[in-house]
Protein backbone atom coordinates (compact mmCIF):
# COMPACT_ATOMS: atom_id res chain seq x y z
CA UNK A 1 -20.81 47.62 104.38
CA UNK A 2 -21.13 43.89 103.78
CA UNK A 3 -23.99 44.37 101.31
CA UNK A 4 -22.04 47.10 99.55
CA UNK A 5 -19.04 44.79 99.44
CA UNK A 6 -21.15 42.10 97.77
CA UNK A 7 -22.29 44.59 95.13
CA UNK A 8 -18.72 45.71 94.53
CA UNK A 9 -17.59 42.09 94.13
CA UNK A 10 -20.12 41.74 91.31
CA UNK A 11 -18.87 44.95 89.69
CA UNK A 12 -15.24 43.84 89.99
CA UNK A 13 -16.00 40.47 88.41
CA UNK A 14 -18.05 42.15 85.68
CA UNK A 15 -15.15 44.47 84.87
CA UNK A 16 -12.56 41.68 84.86
CA UNK A 17 -14.49 38.70 83.46
CA UNK A 18 -17.53 40.17 81.76
CA UNK A 19 -20.17 37.48 81.32
CA UNK A 20 -19.72 34.90 84.07
CA UNK A 21 -22.82 32.71 83.99
CA UNK A 22 -21.52 30.02 86.33
CA UNK A 23 -20.65 32.52 89.05
CA UNK A 24 -23.88 34.44 88.53
CA UNK A 25 -26.02 31.32 88.93
CA UNK A 26 -24.08 30.36 92.05
CA UNK A 27 -24.98 33.73 93.58
CA UNK A 28 -28.64 33.45 92.60
CA UNK A 29 -28.81 29.95 94.09
CA UNK A 30 -27.01 31.14 97.21
CA UNK A 31 -29.57 33.92 97.66
CA UNK A 32 -32.38 31.38 97.31
CA UNK A 33 -30.77 29.25 100.03
CA UNK A 34 -30.62 32.24 102.39
CA UNK A 35 -34.29 33.01 101.77
CA UNK A 36 -35.24 29.37 102.30
CA UNK A 37 -33.33 29.37 105.59
CA UNK A 38 -35.10 32.55 106.64
CA UNK A 39 -38.61 31.14 106.19
CA UNK A 40 -38.02 27.47 107.06
CA UNK A 41 -38.27 26.18 103.49
CA UNK A 42 -35.98 24.20 101.18
CA UNK A 43 -34.21 25.82 98.25
CA UNK A 44 -36.27 23.94 95.67
CA UNK A 45 -39.36 25.75 96.96
CA UNK A 46 -37.92 29.22 96.24
CA UNK A 47 -37.70 31.30 93.07
CA UNK A 48 -36.15 34.73 92.55
CA UNK A 49 -37.92 37.66 90.87
CA UNK A 50 -37.23 41.29 90.05
CA UNK A 51 -40.06 42.49 92.31
CA UNK A 52 -42.86 41.18 94.49
CA UNK A 53 -45.27 42.23 91.73
CA UNK A 54 -43.54 39.88 89.27
CA UNK A 55 -43.70 37.04 91.78
CA UNK A 56 -47.41 37.59 92.43
CA UNK A 57 -48.10 37.73 88.69
CA UNK A 58 -46.39 34.35 88.34
CA UNK A 59 -48.71 32.94 91.00
CA UNK A 60 -51.83 34.50 89.50
CA UNK A 61 -51.01 33.08 86.07
CA UNK A 62 -50.57 29.55 87.43
CA UNK A 63 -54.15 28.44 88.05
CA UNK A 64 -57.21 27.41 86.07
CA UNK A 65 -60.18 29.51 87.14
CA UNK A 66 -62.85 27.70 85.12
CA UNK A 67 -64.01 25.43 87.95
CA UNK A 68 -66.10 25.97 91.04
CA UNK A 69 -63.13 27.28 93.03
CA UNK A 70 -62.53 30.56 91.25
CA UNK A 71 -62.76 33.00 94.14
CA UNK A 72 -59.85 35.01 95.51
CA UNK A 73 -60.08 36.79 98.85
CA UNK A 74 -57.91 39.87 99.47
CA UNK A 75 -58.04 42.58 102.12
CA UNK A 76 -58.09 46.34 102.39
CA UNK A 77 -54.77 45.96 104.22
CA UNK A 78 -53.09 44.44 101.17
CA UNK A 79 -50.55 46.55 99.35
CA UNK A 80 -52.31 47.87 96.21
CA UNK A 81 -50.25 45.76 93.80
CA UNK A 82 -51.76 42.57 95.28
CA UNK A 83 -55.32 43.72 94.65
CA UNK A 84 -54.50 45.19 91.22
CA UNK A 85 -53.02 41.91 89.99
CA UNK A 86 -56.07 39.94 91.03
CA UNK A 87 -58.39 42.55 89.55
CA UNK A 88 -56.54 42.12 86.26
CA UNK A 89 -57.49 38.43 86.48
CA UNK A 90 -61.23 39.15 86.58
CA UNK A 91 -61.35 38.63 82.82
CA UNK A 92 -59.98 35.10 83.39
CA UNK A 93 -63.09 34.23 85.37
CA UNK A 94 -62.17 34.82 88.99
CA UNK A 95 -64.45 36.45 91.51
CA UNK A 96 -62.85 38.79 94.01
CA UNK A 97 -63.90 39.71 97.53
CA UNK A 98 -62.21 42.22 99.82
CA UNK A 99 -62.05 41.81 103.60
CA UNK A 100 -62.51 45.23 105.23
CA UNK A 101 -60.17 47.05 107.59
CA UNK A 102 -62.02 48.52 110.56
CA UNK A 103 -60.27 51.16 112.67
CA UNK A 104 -56.91 50.10 111.31
CA UNK A 105 -57.31 46.38 111.98
CA UNK A 106 -58.89 43.24 110.55
CA UNK A 107 -61.04 41.07 112.78
CA UNK A 108 -59.84 37.46 112.23
CA UNK A 109 -63.49 36.37 112.26
CA UNK A 110 -63.91 38.29 108.99
CA UNK A 111 -62.03 35.53 107.18
CA UNK A 112 -64.64 33.04 108.35
CA UNK A 113 -67.28 35.14 106.62
CA UNK A 114 -65.44 35.82 103.37
CA UNK A 115 -63.65 32.50 102.77
CA UNK A 116 -65.98 29.74 101.59
CA UNK A 117 -66.03 26.53 99.56
CA UNK A 118 -65.55 28.53 96.34
CA UNK A 119 -62.35 30.19 97.53
CA UNK A 120 -59.19 29.15 95.71
CA UNK A 121 -56.74 31.53 97.37
CA UNK A 122 -56.88 33.63 100.53
CA UNK A 123 -54.38 36.51 100.48
CA UNK A 124 -53.06 37.62 103.86
CA UNK A 125 -50.73 40.58 104.42
CA UNK A 126 -48.68 39.67 107.48
CA UNK A 127 -48.28 43.35 108.39
CA UNK A 128 -50.47 46.20 107.15
CA UNK A 129 -48.22 48.59 105.23
CA UNK A 130 -49.99 51.74 106.45
CA UNK A 131 -49.94 51.30 110.21
CA UNK A 132 -48.04 48.12 111.13
CA UNK A 133 -51.06 46.07 112.23
CA UNK A 134 -49.91 42.44 112.40
CA UNK A 135 -52.08 39.42 111.72
CA UNK A 136 -52.00 35.95 113.26
CA UNK A 137 -51.01 34.03 110.13
CA UNK A 138 -51.26 30.54 111.64
CA UNK A 139 -54.77 31.21 112.95
CA UNK A 140 -56.05 32.59 109.64
CA UNK A 141 -54.33 29.81 107.68
CA UNK A 142 -56.15 27.24 109.77
CA UNK A 143 -59.49 28.95 109.06
CA UNK A 144 -58.80 29.15 105.32
CA UNK A 145 -57.57 25.57 105.01
CA UNK A 146 -60.72 24.28 106.71
CA UNK A 147 -62.63 25.82 103.80
CA UNK A 148 -60.23 24.22 101.30
CA UNK A 149 -58.53 27.47 100.32
CA UNK A 150 -54.84 27.92 99.62
CA UNK A 151 -53.06 30.51 101.76
CA UNK A 152 -50.93 33.24 100.18
CA UNK A 153 -48.93 35.51 102.51
CA UNK A 154 -47.35 38.85 101.61
CA UNK A 155 -44.53 39.13 104.15
CA UNK A 156 -42.84 42.20 102.62
CA UNK A 157 -43.57 44.44 105.62
CA UNK A 158 -42.50 41.83 108.17
CA UNK A 159 -39.77 39.48 107.00
CA UNK A 160 -36.51 40.16 108.80
CA UNK A 161 -38.24 41.57 111.89
CA UNK A 162 -40.94 38.96 112.51
CA UNK A 163 -40.24 35.21 112.73
CA UNK A 164 -41.72 33.29 109.80
CA UNK A 165 -41.84 29.51 109.52
CA UNK A 166 -43.84 28.35 106.52
CA UNK A 167 -44.23 24.85 108.01
CA UNK A 168 -45.41 25.89 111.45
CA UNK A 169 -47.70 28.57 110.01
CA UNK A 170 -48.92 26.18 107.29
CA UNK A 171 -48.36 28.70 104.48
CA UNK A 172 -48.83 27.51 100.90
CA UNK A 173 -47.35 30.51 99.07
CA UNK A 174 -45.31 33.45 100.40
CA UNK A 175 -43.67 36.44 98.77
CA UNK A 176 -41.33 39.13 100.04
CA UNK A 177 -39.03 41.70 98.53
CA UNK A 178 -35.58 42.55 99.86
CA UNK A 179 -35.71 46.32 99.81
CA UNK A 180 -37.18 46.76 103.29
CA UNK A 181 -36.06 44.69 106.28
CA UNK A 182 -33.87 42.20 104.37
CA UNK A 183 -31.19 44.83 103.69
CA UNK A 184 -31.15 44.33 99.93
CA UNK A 185 -31.64 46.62 96.96
CA UNK A 186 -34.35 47.15 94.31
CA UNK A 187 -34.56 44.27 91.86
CA UNK A 188 -34.86 41.28 94.20
CA UNK A 189 -37.89 39.46 95.57
CA UNK A 190 -38.42 35.82 96.47
CA UNK A 191 -41.37 33.48 96.13
CA UNK A 192 -41.94 30.39 98.26
CA UNK A 193 -44.34 27.72 97.01
CA UNK A 194 -45.00 24.57 99.04
CA UNK A 195 -43.30 21.61 97.37
CA UNK A 196 -46.42 19.48 96.94
CA UNK A 197 -48.29 22.39 95.35
CA UNK A 198 -45.69 23.13 92.66
CA UNK A 199 -46.71 20.43 90.10
CA UNK A 200 -50.28 21.76 90.16
CA UNK A 201 -49.20 25.26 89.14
CA UNK A 202 -48.51 26.02 85.48
CA UNK A 203 -47.60 29.70 85.09
CA UNK A 204 -48.25 31.45 81.80
CA UNK A 205 -45.94 34.17 83.11
CA UNK A 206 -42.80 32.26 82.19
CA UNK A 207 -39.54 32.39 80.26
CA UNK A 208 -36.47 30.38 79.48
CA UNK A 209 -35.35 30.21 83.10
CA UNK A 210 -38.67 28.60 84.04
CA UNK A 211 -37.81 25.50 81.98
CA UNK A 212 -36.30 22.25 83.19
CA UNK A 213 -33.16 22.92 81.17
CA UNK A 214 -32.86 26.62 80.32
CA UNK A 215 -29.65 26.13 78.40
CA UNK A 216 -30.96 23.43 76.05
CA UNK A 217 -32.30 26.13 73.70
CA UNK A 218 -34.86 23.70 72.26
CA UNK A 219 -38.07 25.58 71.45
CA UNK A 220 -39.93 22.31 70.71
CA UNK A 221 -39.36 20.95 74.22
CA UNK A 222 -41.51 23.01 76.62
CA UNK A 223 -41.07 21.50 80.07
CA UNK A 224 -41.56 23.42 83.29
CA UNK A 225 -38.83 22.97 85.87
CA UNK A 226 -39.82 20.38 88.43
CA UNK A 227 -39.24 22.65 91.41
CA UNK A 228 -39.91 26.34 92.13
CA UNK A 229 -37.61 27.32 89.28
CA UNK A 230 -40.73 26.97 87.12
CA UNK A 231 -41.79 30.39 88.43
CA UNK A 232 -38.59 32.01 87.17
CA UNK A 233 -38.89 33.97 83.95
CA UNK A 234 -35.90 35.59 82.25
CA UNK A 235 -32.33 36.34 83.25
CA UNK A 236 -32.36 37.28 86.94
CA UNK A 237 -31.11 40.66 88.14
CA UNK A 238 -27.76 39.27 89.15
CA UNK A 239 -26.35 42.30 90.94
CA UNK A 240 -29.47 42.37 93.12
CA UNK A 241 -28.94 38.69 93.96
CA UNK A 242 -25.46 39.50 95.30
CA UNK A 243 -26.93 42.19 97.57
CA UNK A 244 -29.91 40.05 98.58
CA UNK A 245 -27.73 37.09 99.50
CA UNK A 246 -25.53 39.15 101.79
CA UNK A 247 -28.40 41.11 103.34
CA UNK A 248 -30.32 37.94 104.20
CA UNK A 249 -27.13 36.31 105.46
CA UNK A 250 -26.76 39.15 107.98
CA UNK A 251 -30.35 38.67 109.16
CA UNK A 252 -29.88 34.90 109.42
CA UNK A 253 -26.62 35.30 111.35
CA UNK A 254 -28.18 37.66 113.89
CA UNK A 255 -31.41 35.67 114.03
CA UNK A 256 -34.91 37.09 113.78
CA UNK A 257 -35.67 35.63 117.21
CA UNK A 258 -33.10 38.08 118.59
CA UNK A 259 -34.23 40.99 116.40
CA UNK A 260 -37.93 40.84 117.28
CA UNK A 261 -37.66 41.73 121.02
CA UNK A 262 -35.71 44.87 120.12
CA UNK A 263 -38.30 45.78 117.48
CA UNK A 264 -41.02 45.46 120.13
CA UNK A 265 -39.03 47.64 122.54
CA UNK A 266 -38.59 50.31 119.87
CA UNK A 267 -42.33 50.15 119.12
CA UNK A 268 -43.19 50.78 122.76
CA UNK A 269 -40.77 53.68 122.90
CA UNK A 270 -41.98 55.21 119.63
CA UNK A 271 -45.66 55.06 120.57
CA UNK A 272 -44.95 56.57 123.99
CA UNK A 273 -42.90 59.41 122.50
CA UNK A 274 -45.39 60.08 119.69
CA UNK A 275 -48.19 60.54 122.20
CA UNK A 276 -46.01 62.54 124.59
CA UNK A 277 -45.28 65.04 121.81
CA UNK A 278 -48.94 65.45 120.87
CA UNK A 279 -48.89 63.46 117.65
CA UNK A 280 -51.42 60.74 116.82
CA UNK A 281 -50.65 57.25 115.60
CA UNK A 282 -52.87 54.81 113.73
CA UNK A 283 -50.62 51.90 114.77
CA UNK A 284 -51.89 49.34 117.29
CA UNK A 285 -51.07 50.17 120.89
CA UNK A 286 -51.00 46.45 121.67
CA UNK A 287 -47.44 45.46 120.74
CA UNK A 288 -48.53 41.84 120.21
CA UNK A 289 -50.57 43.08 117.25
CA UNK A 290 -47.90 45.41 115.85
CA UNK A 291 -45.03 44.93 113.41
CA UNK A 292 -42.01 47.18 112.91
CA UNK A 293 -43.94 49.97 111.17
CA UNK A 294 -45.07 52.90 113.33
CA UNK A 295 -47.36 55.49 111.75
CA UNK A 296 -47.62 59.19 112.60
CA UNK A 297 -50.48 61.37 111.41
CA UNK A 298 -49.30 64.71 110.03
CA UNK A 299 -51.02 67.42 107.95
CA UNK A 300 -48.96 66.86 104.78
CA UNK A 301 -47.20 63.47 104.77
CA UNK A 302 -45.48 63.91 101.39
CA UNK A 303 -44.04 67.27 102.40
CA UNK A 304 -42.96 65.91 105.79
CA UNK A 305 -41.18 63.02 104.09
CA UNK A 306 -39.31 65.41 101.79
CA UNK A 307 -38.34 67.74 104.64
CA UNK A 308 -37.10 64.89 106.80
CA UNK A 309 -35.06 63.49 103.92
CA UNK A 310 -33.20 66.82 103.69
CA UNK A 311 -32.19 66.25 107.31
CA UNK A 312 -30.93 62.73 106.58
CA UNK A 313 -33.98 61.02 108.10
CA UNK A 314 -35.75 58.47 105.90
CA UNK A 315 -39.47 57.87 106.43
CA UNK A 316 -42.26 56.87 104.04
CA UNK A 317 -45.46 58.79 103.34
CA UNK A 318 -48.43 56.45 103.00
CA UNK A 319 -51.92 57.92 102.83
CA UNK A 320 -52.49 60.22 105.83
CA UNK A 321 -49.35 59.17 107.70
CA UNK A 322 -45.59 59.03 107.62
CA UNK A 323 -44.10 55.74 108.72
CA UNK A 324 -41.09 55.01 110.87
CA UNK A 325 -39.64 51.57 110.11
CA UNK A 326 -37.50 50.27 112.97
CA UNK A 327 -34.78 47.65 112.57
CA UNK A 328 -32.12 46.05 114.76
CA UNK A 329 -29.66 48.92 114.17
CA UNK A 330 -32.13 51.66 115.14
CA UNK A 331 -31.84 53.23 118.61
CA UNK A 332 -34.26 55.23 120.77
CA UNK A 333 -32.05 58.23 120.05
CA UNK A 334 -32.75 57.78 116.33
CA UNK A 335 -36.47 57.87 117.05
CA UNK A 336 -36.04 61.01 119.17
CA UNK A 337 -34.16 62.73 116.36
CA UNK A 338 -36.88 61.88 113.84
CA UNK A 339 -39.66 63.09 116.15
CA UNK A 340 -37.75 66.25 117.12
CA UNK A 341 -37.37 67.10 113.45
CA UNK A 342 -40.98 66.29 112.72
CA UNK A 343 -42.10 68.60 115.53
CA UNK A 344 -40.07 71.43 114.00
CA UNK A 345 -41.42 70.77 110.49
CA UNK A 346 -45.06 70.63 111.57
CA UNK A 347 -44.59 73.65 113.84
CA UNK A 348 -43.07 75.73 111.06
CA UNK A 349 -45.92 74.79 108.73
CA UNK A 350 -48.56 75.83 111.25
CA UNK A 351 -46.85 79.23 111.76
CA UNK A 352 -46.66 79.80 108.02
């Protein structure tokens, strides 16, 4: 209700005041502060975007690929948009290598093989979107930095359920959207860039909000903002900032350190119940290697998703599985209800 209340406060102000730039920018800045607090950054290291894809495009457009370091390493566990964006940069001169997923996981030693002295950026998904496999970010970051590579982390499938500290993990760049575990709405994503790295990055994906003084309206004075605002583009999606601010405030008030143990408990329960009912999961059985996503293999994931939605149960179909995504407000009884319904759906299909 708090997130809905934030959205309604925007709508009320819009109806009464109309254009309210000062208030809008206060809300955008407030949302950046909440994100910075969430990941252990400072506000000047954070920019807001309409989607994670936009944020990643800003990063990809920020580097010169004409030198020796023109290699980007991604993984088969990356969400497709990450790989697609870097593939679109092949014409700019990058080389791209893809770390394989083997039996649902990535061996950390693989990064030692793929990251070398030509690697500019190593892309690491914190949690694999298909099955919840979780990587040791600090360990991989240490490997990549020893080779001189920057470290880019996609935390979309983890942030809000897994503790993230960009200093302790030694992360150079991190992106996450707010639609999943940050309790926001479509239209908000946040990009962290380490302060000392910002002056080196000159995005061609830019706009008036990426300038030092957006409201100067001087087309002859092109000056990137001195902080992470340089990765901003056009007018932010203000209503999404209201929702994002309040959603992240809830997570920060509760504390991810308190959320994570409950997520782990729900993971144990879900895996036990999935196996008890005769389903198969591609998620790690070792909870230390598992995020909040739990996968269930079913004959027709898209159909199962649609049928469950009719019963008021929201899951996601991804490849050969449907995913349960646990959060602090989920109970074991919620998991039972989802699995009971899934049993009925799969059973009815087999009889038909």
